N, C-alpha and C. Protein backbone atom coordinates (compact mmCIF):
# COMPACT_ATOMS: atom_id res chain seq x y z
N MET A 1 -53.89 35.65 12.07
CA MET A 1 -54.74 34.52 12.26
C MET A 1 -55.56 34.24 11.00
N LEU A 2 -56.10 35.29 10.38
CA LEU A 2 -56.89 35.09 9.18
C LEU A 2 -56.08 34.40 8.08
N LEU A 3 -54.81 34.77 7.97
CA LEU A 3 -53.95 34.15 6.97
C LEU A 3 -53.90 32.63 7.13
N ALA A 4 -53.82 32.18 8.35
CA ALA A 4 -53.76 30.74 8.60
C ALA A 4 -55.02 30.04 8.10
N PHE A 5 -56.17 30.62 8.37
CA PHE A 5 -57.42 30.01 7.91
C PHE A 5 -57.48 29.96 6.39
N VAL A 6 -57.01 31.01 5.75
CA VAL A 6 -57.02 31.04 4.30
C VAL A 6 -56.01 30.04 3.73
N LYS A 7 -54.83 29.99 4.32
CA LYS A 7 -53.78 29.10 3.81
C LYS A 7 -54.19 27.63 3.84
N VAL A 8 -54.96 27.24 4.87
CA VAL A 8 -55.39 25.84 4.96
C VAL A 8 -56.80 25.65 4.40
N ASP A 9 -57.33 26.70 3.76
CA ASP A 9 -58.64 26.65 3.13
C ASP A 9 -59.74 26.24 4.11
N ALA A 10 -59.63 26.76 5.33
CA ALA A 10 -60.65 26.48 6.35
C ALA A 10 -61.73 27.54 6.25
N LYS A 11 -62.87 27.15 5.76
CA LYS A 11 -63.99 28.09 5.59
C LYS A 11 -64.61 28.40 6.94
N ASN A 12 -64.72 29.68 7.27
CA ASN A 12 -65.34 30.07 8.53
C ASN A 12 -65.88 31.49 8.37
N SER A 13 -67.05 31.58 7.79
CA SER A 13 -67.66 32.89 7.54
C SER A 13 -67.86 33.67 8.83
N ARG A 14 -68.21 32.99 9.89
CA ARG A 14 -68.46 33.68 11.15
C ARG A 14 -67.18 34.38 11.64
N LEU A 15 -66.04 33.68 11.54
CA LEU A 15 -64.77 34.27 11.96
C LEU A 15 -64.50 35.55 11.18
N PHE A 16 -64.67 35.50 9.86
CA PHE A 16 -64.41 36.68 9.04
C PHE A 16 -65.40 37.80 9.36
N HIS A 17 -66.67 37.45 9.55
CA HIS A 17 -67.68 38.45 9.88
C HIS A 17 -67.36 39.12 11.21
N GLU A 18 -67.05 38.33 12.23
CA GLU A 18 -66.75 38.89 13.55
C GLU A 18 -65.47 39.72 13.52
N THR A 19 -64.46 39.22 12.81
CA THR A 19 -63.20 39.95 12.70
C THR A 19 -63.41 41.27 11.99
N CYS A 20 -64.24 41.27 10.98
CA CYS A 20 -64.55 42.51 10.26
C CYS A 20 -65.13 43.54 11.21
N GLY A 21 -66.05 43.12 12.08
CA GLY A 21 -66.64 44.03 13.05
C GLY A 21 -65.62 44.59 14.01
N VAL A 22 -64.69 43.75 14.45
CA VAL A 22 -63.65 44.19 15.38
C VAL A 22 -62.72 45.19 14.70
N ILE A 23 -62.27 44.86 13.51
CA ILE A 23 -61.34 45.74 12.79
C ILE A 23 -62.00 47.08 12.47
N SER A 24 -63.25 47.03 12.08
CA SER A 24 -63.97 48.26 11.74
C SER A 24 -64.06 49.22 12.92
N GLY A 25 -64.05 48.68 14.13
CA GLY A 25 -64.12 49.53 15.32
C GLY A 25 -62.78 49.98 15.84
N MET A 26 -61.70 49.61 15.17
CA MET A 26 -60.36 49.95 15.64
C MET A 26 -59.80 51.17 14.90
N ASP A 27 -58.81 51.76 15.52
CA ASP A 27 -58.07 52.84 14.88
C ASP A 27 -57.10 52.20 13.89
N LEU A 28 -57.29 52.46 12.61
CA LEU A 28 -56.44 51.82 11.60
C LEU A 28 -54.99 52.28 11.67
N ASP A 29 -54.71 53.37 12.37
CA ASP A 29 -53.32 53.79 12.56
C ASP A 29 -52.54 52.78 13.40
N SER A 30 -53.26 51.91 14.12
CA SER A 30 -52.58 50.91 14.95
C SER A 30 -52.08 49.72 14.12
N PHE A 31 -52.44 49.69 12.84
CA PHE A 31 -51.99 48.61 11.96
C PHE A 31 -50.84 49.11 11.09
N ASN A 32 -49.82 48.28 10.93
CA ASN A 32 -48.76 48.66 10.00
C ASN A 32 -49.18 48.26 8.58
N PRO A 33 -48.47 48.72 7.55
CA PRO A 33 -48.86 48.42 6.17
C PRO A 33 -49.01 46.92 5.88
N GLN A 34 -48.12 46.11 6.43
CA GLN A 34 -48.22 44.67 6.19
C GLN A 34 -49.50 44.10 6.79
N HIS A 35 -49.87 44.56 7.98
CA HIS A 35 -51.11 44.09 8.60
C HIS A 35 -52.31 44.44 7.72
N LEU A 36 -52.35 45.68 7.24
CA LEU A 36 -53.46 46.11 6.39
C LEU A 36 -53.54 45.26 5.12
N ALA A 37 -52.39 45.07 4.48
CA ALA A 37 -52.35 44.26 3.25
C ALA A 37 -52.77 42.82 3.53
N ASN A 38 -52.32 42.26 4.65
CA ASN A 38 -52.67 40.88 4.98
C ASN A 38 -54.16 40.73 5.28
N ILE A 39 -54.73 41.72 5.95
CA ILE A 39 -56.18 41.68 6.22
C ILE A 39 -56.94 41.68 4.90
N LEU A 40 -56.62 42.63 4.04
CA LEU A 40 -57.30 42.71 2.75
C LEU A 40 -57.12 41.43 1.94
N TRP A 41 -55.89 40.94 1.88
CA TRP A 41 -55.58 39.74 1.13
C TRP A 41 -56.39 38.55 1.65
N SER A 42 -56.44 38.41 2.98
CA SER A 42 -57.17 37.29 3.58
C SER A 42 -58.65 37.34 3.27
N PHE A 43 -59.24 38.52 3.39
CA PHE A 43 -60.67 38.65 3.09
C PHE A 43 -60.94 38.38 1.62
N ALA A 44 -60.10 38.89 0.73
CA ALA A 44 -60.30 38.67 -0.70
C ALA A 44 -60.12 37.20 -1.06
N LYS A 45 -59.06 36.60 -0.56
CA LYS A 45 -58.75 35.20 -0.90
C LYS A 45 -59.82 34.26 -0.37
N SER A 46 -60.39 34.58 0.78
CA SER A 46 -61.41 33.70 1.38
C SER A 46 -62.77 33.84 0.71
N GLY A 47 -62.94 34.88 -0.09
CA GLY A 47 -64.25 35.13 -0.68
C GLY A 47 -65.20 35.82 0.29
N GLU A 48 -64.67 36.30 1.39
CA GLU A 48 -65.48 36.93 2.45
C GLU A 48 -65.29 38.45 2.48
N ALA A 49 -64.90 39.02 1.37
CA ALA A 49 -64.61 40.46 1.34
C ALA A 49 -65.82 41.27 1.75
N ASP A 50 -65.61 42.20 2.65
CA ASP A 50 -66.65 43.10 3.12
C ASP A 50 -66.38 44.47 2.51
N PRO A 51 -67.25 44.94 1.61
CA PRO A 51 -66.99 46.22 0.94
C PRO A 51 -66.78 47.38 1.91
N GLU A 52 -67.49 47.39 3.03
CA GLU A 52 -67.32 48.49 3.99
C GLU A 52 -65.94 48.46 4.64
N LEU A 53 -65.44 47.27 4.96
CA LEU A 53 -64.09 47.16 5.51
C LEU A 53 -63.06 47.60 4.48
N PHE A 54 -63.22 47.15 3.25
CA PHE A 54 -62.30 47.54 2.18
C PHE A 54 -62.33 49.05 1.99
N GLN A 55 -63.53 49.63 2.03
CA GLN A 55 -63.66 51.07 1.88
C GLN A 55 -62.95 51.80 3.02
N ALA A 56 -63.11 51.31 4.25
CA ALA A 56 -62.47 51.95 5.40
C ALA A 56 -60.95 51.88 5.28
N ILE A 57 -60.44 50.73 4.91
CA ILE A 57 -58.98 50.59 4.78
C ILE A 57 -58.49 51.42 3.58
N GLY A 58 -59.25 51.40 2.49
CA GLY A 58 -58.89 52.23 1.33
C GLY A 58 -58.86 53.70 1.69
N ASN A 59 -59.85 54.15 2.47
CA ASN A 59 -59.87 55.55 2.92
C ASN A 59 -58.64 55.86 3.77
N HIS A 60 -58.30 54.93 4.63
CA HIS A 60 -57.13 55.12 5.50
C HIS A 60 -55.86 55.26 4.66
N ILE A 61 -55.67 54.35 3.72
CA ILE A 61 -54.44 54.36 2.92
C ILE A 61 -54.37 55.60 2.03
N THR A 62 -55.49 55.95 1.39
CA THR A 62 -55.45 57.13 0.52
C THR A 62 -55.28 58.41 1.32
N GLY A 63 -55.65 58.38 2.59
CA GLY A 63 -55.48 59.54 3.45
C GLY A 63 -54.08 59.71 4.01
N LEU A 64 -53.24 58.71 3.84
CA LEU A 64 -51.87 58.80 4.33
C LEU A 64 -51.09 59.79 3.47
N GLY A 65 -50.22 60.55 4.08
CA GLY A 65 -49.42 61.51 3.34
C GLY A 65 -48.44 60.84 2.40
N SER A 66 -47.93 59.70 2.79
CA SER A 66 -46.91 59.00 2.02
C SER A 66 -47.11 57.50 2.14
N LEU A 67 -46.68 56.78 1.13
CA LEU A 67 -46.72 55.32 1.18
C LEU A 67 -45.31 54.74 1.35
N ASP A 68 -44.37 55.57 1.79
CA ASP A 68 -42.99 55.13 1.93
C ASP A 68 -42.83 53.96 2.89
N SER A 69 -43.72 53.80 3.84
CA SER A 69 -43.61 52.69 4.79
C SER A 69 -44.15 51.38 4.22
N PHE A 70 -44.77 51.44 3.05
CA PHE A 70 -45.30 50.23 2.40
C PHE A 70 -44.19 49.57 1.59
N LYS A 71 -43.97 48.30 1.84
CA LYS A 71 -43.03 47.52 1.03
C LYS A 71 -43.72 47.17 -0.28
N PRO A 72 -42.95 46.82 -1.31
CA PRO A 72 -43.57 46.46 -2.58
C PRO A 72 -44.66 45.39 -2.45
N GLN A 73 -44.42 44.38 -1.62
CA GLN A 73 -45.43 43.34 -1.46
C GLN A 73 -46.69 43.88 -0.79
N ASP A 74 -46.55 44.82 0.12
CA ASP A 74 -47.73 45.44 0.74
C ASP A 74 -48.56 46.17 -0.31
N LEU A 75 -47.88 46.91 -1.18
CA LEU A 75 -48.58 47.65 -2.23
C LEU A 75 -49.29 46.71 -3.19
N SER A 76 -48.56 45.71 -3.67
CA SER A 76 -49.15 44.80 -4.66
C SER A 76 -50.26 43.94 -4.05
N ASN A 77 -50.07 43.48 -2.82
CA ASN A 77 -51.12 42.67 -2.19
C ASN A 77 -52.37 43.50 -1.91
N THR A 78 -52.19 44.76 -1.58
CA THR A 78 -53.34 45.64 -1.31
C THR A 78 -54.20 45.79 -2.56
N ILE A 79 -53.60 46.17 -3.67
CA ILE A 79 -54.43 46.37 -4.85
C ILE A 79 -54.89 45.05 -5.46
N TRP A 80 -54.09 43.98 -5.28
CA TRP A 80 -54.55 42.65 -5.72
C TRP A 80 -55.83 42.29 -4.98
N ALA A 81 -55.87 42.56 -3.68
CA ALA A 81 -57.04 42.23 -2.87
C ALA A 81 -58.28 43.00 -3.35
N PHE A 82 -58.12 44.29 -3.60
CA PHE A 82 -59.26 45.07 -4.10
C PHE A 82 -59.76 44.53 -5.43
N ALA A 83 -58.83 44.22 -6.34
CA ALA A 83 -59.22 43.69 -7.65
C ALA A 83 -59.88 42.32 -7.52
N THR A 84 -59.32 41.46 -6.69
CA THR A 84 -59.87 40.12 -6.51
C THR A 84 -61.25 40.17 -5.87
N ALA A 85 -61.42 41.06 -4.92
CA ALA A 85 -62.70 41.19 -4.22
C ALA A 85 -63.74 41.93 -5.06
N GLY A 86 -63.30 42.55 -6.14
CA GLY A 86 -64.22 43.30 -6.98
C GLY A 86 -64.70 44.59 -6.33
N VAL A 87 -63.86 45.15 -5.45
CA VAL A 87 -64.20 46.40 -4.78
C VAL A 87 -63.50 47.54 -5.52
N SER A 88 -64.28 48.43 -6.08
CA SER A 88 -63.73 49.54 -6.85
C SER A 88 -63.25 50.64 -5.91
N TYR A 89 -62.04 51.12 -6.17
CA TYR A 89 -61.51 52.24 -5.40
C TYR A 89 -60.44 52.94 -6.25
N PRO A 90 -60.88 53.69 -7.28
CA PRO A 90 -59.92 54.33 -8.20
C PRO A 90 -58.88 55.21 -7.51
N ALA A 91 -59.26 55.93 -6.45
CA ALA A 91 -58.30 56.82 -5.78
C ALA A 91 -57.16 56.03 -5.16
N LEU A 92 -57.44 54.84 -4.67
CA LEU A 92 -56.39 53.99 -4.09
C LEU A 92 -55.43 53.53 -5.18
N PHE A 93 -55.98 53.11 -6.31
CA PHE A 93 -55.13 52.67 -7.41
C PHE A 93 -54.28 53.84 -7.92
N GLU A 94 -54.89 55.01 -7.98
CA GLU A 94 -54.15 56.20 -8.42
C GLU A 94 -53.01 56.51 -7.45
N LYS A 95 -53.28 56.42 -6.16
CA LYS A 95 -52.26 56.73 -5.15
C LYS A 95 -51.11 55.71 -5.22
N ILE A 96 -51.45 54.44 -5.26
CA ILE A 96 -50.41 53.41 -5.30
C ILE A 96 -49.64 53.48 -6.62
N GLY A 97 -50.34 53.65 -7.73
CA GLY A 97 -49.67 53.78 -9.03
C GLY A 97 -48.73 54.98 -9.05
N GLY A 98 -49.19 56.10 -8.54
CA GLY A 98 -48.36 57.30 -8.48
C GLY A 98 -47.14 57.11 -7.60
N HIS A 99 -47.32 56.40 -6.52
CA HIS A 99 -46.19 56.14 -5.61
C HIS A 99 -45.13 55.31 -6.33
N ILE A 100 -45.56 54.26 -7.01
CA ILE A 100 -44.61 53.39 -7.71
C ILE A 100 -43.91 54.16 -8.82
N VAL A 101 -44.67 54.93 -9.59
CA VAL A 101 -44.08 55.73 -10.67
C VAL A 101 -43.03 56.70 -10.11
N GLY A 102 -43.27 57.23 -8.93
CA GLY A 102 -42.37 58.20 -8.33
C GLY A 102 -41.11 57.61 -7.70
N LEU A 103 -41.05 56.28 -7.60
CA LEU A 103 -39.87 55.65 -7.01
C LEU A 103 -38.67 55.79 -7.93
N ASP A 104 -37.51 56.02 -7.35
CA ASP A 104 -36.28 56.13 -8.14
C ASP A 104 -35.89 54.79 -8.75
N CYS A 105 -36.14 53.72 -8.02
CA CYS A 105 -35.68 52.41 -8.45
C CYS A 105 -36.69 51.35 -8.03
N LEU A 106 -36.81 50.32 -8.82
CA LEU A 106 -37.74 49.24 -8.52
C LEU A 106 -37.01 47.96 -8.10
N ASN A 107 -35.75 48.10 -7.67
CA ASN A 107 -34.95 46.93 -7.30
C ASN A 107 -35.56 46.09 -6.20
N SER A 108 -36.34 46.70 -5.32
CA SER A 108 -36.90 45.94 -4.19
C SER A 108 -38.16 45.17 -4.58
N PHE A 109 -38.67 45.37 -5.79
CA PHE A 109 -39.83 44.63 -6.25
C PHE A 109 -39.43 43.25 -6.73
N LYS A 110 -40.21 42.27 -6.37
CA LYS A 110 -40.01 40.91 -6.86
C LYS A 110 -40.92 40.71 -8.07
N GLN A 111 -40.65 39.67 -8.82
CA GLN A 111 -41.47 39.39 -10.01
C GLN A 111 -42.95 39.29 -9.65
N GLN A 112 -43.26 38.66 -8.53
CA GLN A 112 -44.66 38.52 -8.11
C GLN A 112 -45.29 39.88 -7.82
N ASP A 113 -44.51 40.81 -7.27
CA ASP A 113 -45.03 42.16 -7.00
C ASP A 113 -45.41 42.86 -8.31
N PHE A 114 -44.55 42.74 -9.32
CA PHE A 114 -44.85 43.32 -10.63
C PHE A 114 -46.09 42.67 -11.23
N SER A 115 -46.11 41.36 -11.16
CA SER A 115 -47.23 40.61 -11.74
C SER A 115 -48.55 40.96 -11.08
N ASN A 116 -48.58 40.94 -9.75
CA ASN A 116 -49.82 41.26 -9.03
C ASN A 116 -50.27 42.69 -9.30
N THR A 117 -49.31 43.61 -9.35
CA THR A 117 -49.64 45.01 -9.59
C THR A 117 -50.24 45.20 -10.98
N ALA A 118 -49.57 44.70 -11.98
CA ALA A 118 -50.07 44.85 -13.36
C ALA A 118 -51.42 44.16 -13.52
N TRP A 119 -51.55 42.95 -12.97
CA TRP A 119 -52.81 42.22 -13.08
C TRP A 119 -53.95 43.00 -12.43
N ALA A 120 -53.71 43.52 -11.23
CA ALA A 120 -54.77 44.24 -10.50
C ALA A 120 -55.24 45.47 -11.28
N PHE A 121 -54.29 46.25 -11.81
CA PHE A 121 -54.67 47.42 -12.59
C PHE A 121 -55.47 47.02 -13.82
N ALA A 122 -55.02 45.97 -14.50
CA ALA A 122 -55.74 45.50 -15.69
C ALA A 122 -57.12 44.95 -15.32
N LYS A 123 -57.21 44.22 -14.25
CA LYS A 123 -58.47 43.59 -13.83
C LYS A 123 -59.55 44.62 -13.56
N VAL A 124 -59.19 45.71 -12.91
CA VAL A 124 -60.20 46.72 -12.59
C VAL A 124 -60.32 47.79 -13.67
N GLY A 125 -59.52 47.69 -14.73
CA GLY A 125 -59.60 48.63 -15.83
C GLY A 125 -59.03 50.00 -15.51
N GLU A 126 -58.08 50.02 -14.58
CA GLU A 126 -57.41 51.29 -14.23
C GLU A 126 -56.23 51.49 -15.17
N SER A 127 -56.39 52.41 -16.08
CA SER A 127 -55.33 52.70 -17.03
C SER A 127 -54.31 53.62 -16.36
N ASN A 128 -53.09 53.18 -16.33
CA ASN A 128 -52.03 54.00 -15.78
C ASN A 128 -50.79 53.81 -16.66
N PRO A 129 -50.77 54.49 -17.82
CA PRO A 129 -49.67 54.30 -18.76
C PRO A 129 -48.29 54.54 -18.16
N LYS A 130 -48.18 55.52 -17.27
CA LYS A 130 -46.86 55.80 -16.66
C LYS A 130 -46.39 54.62 -15.82
N LEU A 131 -47.31 54.00 -15.10
CA LEU A 131 -46.96 52.84 -14.27
C LEU A 131 -46.51 51.68 -15.15
N PHE A 132 -47.30 51.37 -16.17
CA PHE A 132 -46.95 50.25 -17.04
C PHE A 132 -45.64 50.51 -17.78
N LYS A 133 -45.40 51.75 -18.17
CA LYS A 133 -44.12 52.08 -18.82
C LYS A 133 -42.97 51.88 -17.85
N LYS A 134 -43.14 52.35 -16.61
CA LYS A 134 -42.07 52.23 -15.61
C LYS A 134 -41.75 50.75 -15.36
N ILE A 135 -42.78 49.96 -15.16
CA ILE A 135 -42.57 48.53 -14.92
C ILE A 135 -41.95 47.88 -16.16
N GLY A 136 -42.50 48.18 -17.33
CA GLY A 136 -41.98 47.60 -18.57
C GLY A 136 -40.53 47.96 -18.83
N ASP A 137 -40.20 49.23 -18.62
CA ASP A 137 -38.82 49.67 -18.83
C ASP A 137 -37.88 48.98 -17.85
N TYR A 138 -38.32 48.84 -16.61
CA TYR A 138 -37.47 48.19 -15.61
C TYR A 138 -37.22 46.73 -15.98
N ILE A 139 -38.29 46.02 -16.34
CA ILE A 139 -38.15 44.60 -16.70
C ILE A 139 -37.31 44.46 -17.97
N ALA A 140 -37.53 45.33 -18.94
CA ALA A 140 -36.73 45.29 -20.17
C ALA A 140 -35.26 45.52 -19.86
N GLY A 141 -34.99 46.42 -18.92
CA GLY A 141 -33.61 46.68 -18.52
C GLY A 141 -32.97 45.46 -17.89
N LEU A 142 -33.73 44.71 -17.14
CA LEU A 142 -33.20 43.49 -16.53
C LEU A 142 -32.91 42.46 -17.61
N ALA A 143 -33.79 42.36 -18.58
CA ALA A 143 -33.61 41.38 -19.66
C ALA A 143 -32.37 41.71 -20.48
N SER A 144 -32.07 42.98 -20.64
CA SER A 144 -30.91 43.35 -21.45
C SER A 144 -29.60 43.08 -20.72
N LEU A 145 -29.66 42.81 -19.42
CA LEU A 145 -28.45 42.50 -18.65
C LEU A 145 -28.00 41.05 -18.85
N ASP A 146 -28.90 40.22 -19.36
CA ASP A 146 -28.56 38.78 -19.56
C ASP A 146 -27.63 38.57 -20.71
C-alpha cells in the first residue's frame, strides 16, 4: 500500500506515521525480504523515514544468518533506502557488501541493482574495495563480450 502512495506522490504523513507504529509492533520474521525492502524504499522515497523503524529493520537483517533469500533488487533497494534516508548503519552495509562479494556470479543483478548499490555505498561513505572490484570486474567482463 505504501508503494502506491509513493508512486502517485500522494503525501500522507499520518499514514506513514501510523504504519510505522504498526510495523514496529510486528514480528519482522513475518515479512519476506521484498516486503522489508519495499517498506524501507517507501519510507525513504516519501521523505517520511523513521530512524527507529530503519534501525529495527536493519537489526533484523543484520541478525539473519544468511541473505540468500534476498534478491539483488531487495539488497540494492534496502541499502539505497538507508542512504537516501540518511540513516547510518555500517553493519548492514558490511553484511550486504560481504554477501554480494561472496556470490559466485552476479548474473541475476540488473544494471539498476549495480547502480543503486554502488551509489548507496558511495553516498554514505562506506568503502568496500572488494565490492567495487567485484562489480567493476563483472561489468568489464560484460563489456568485453560485445
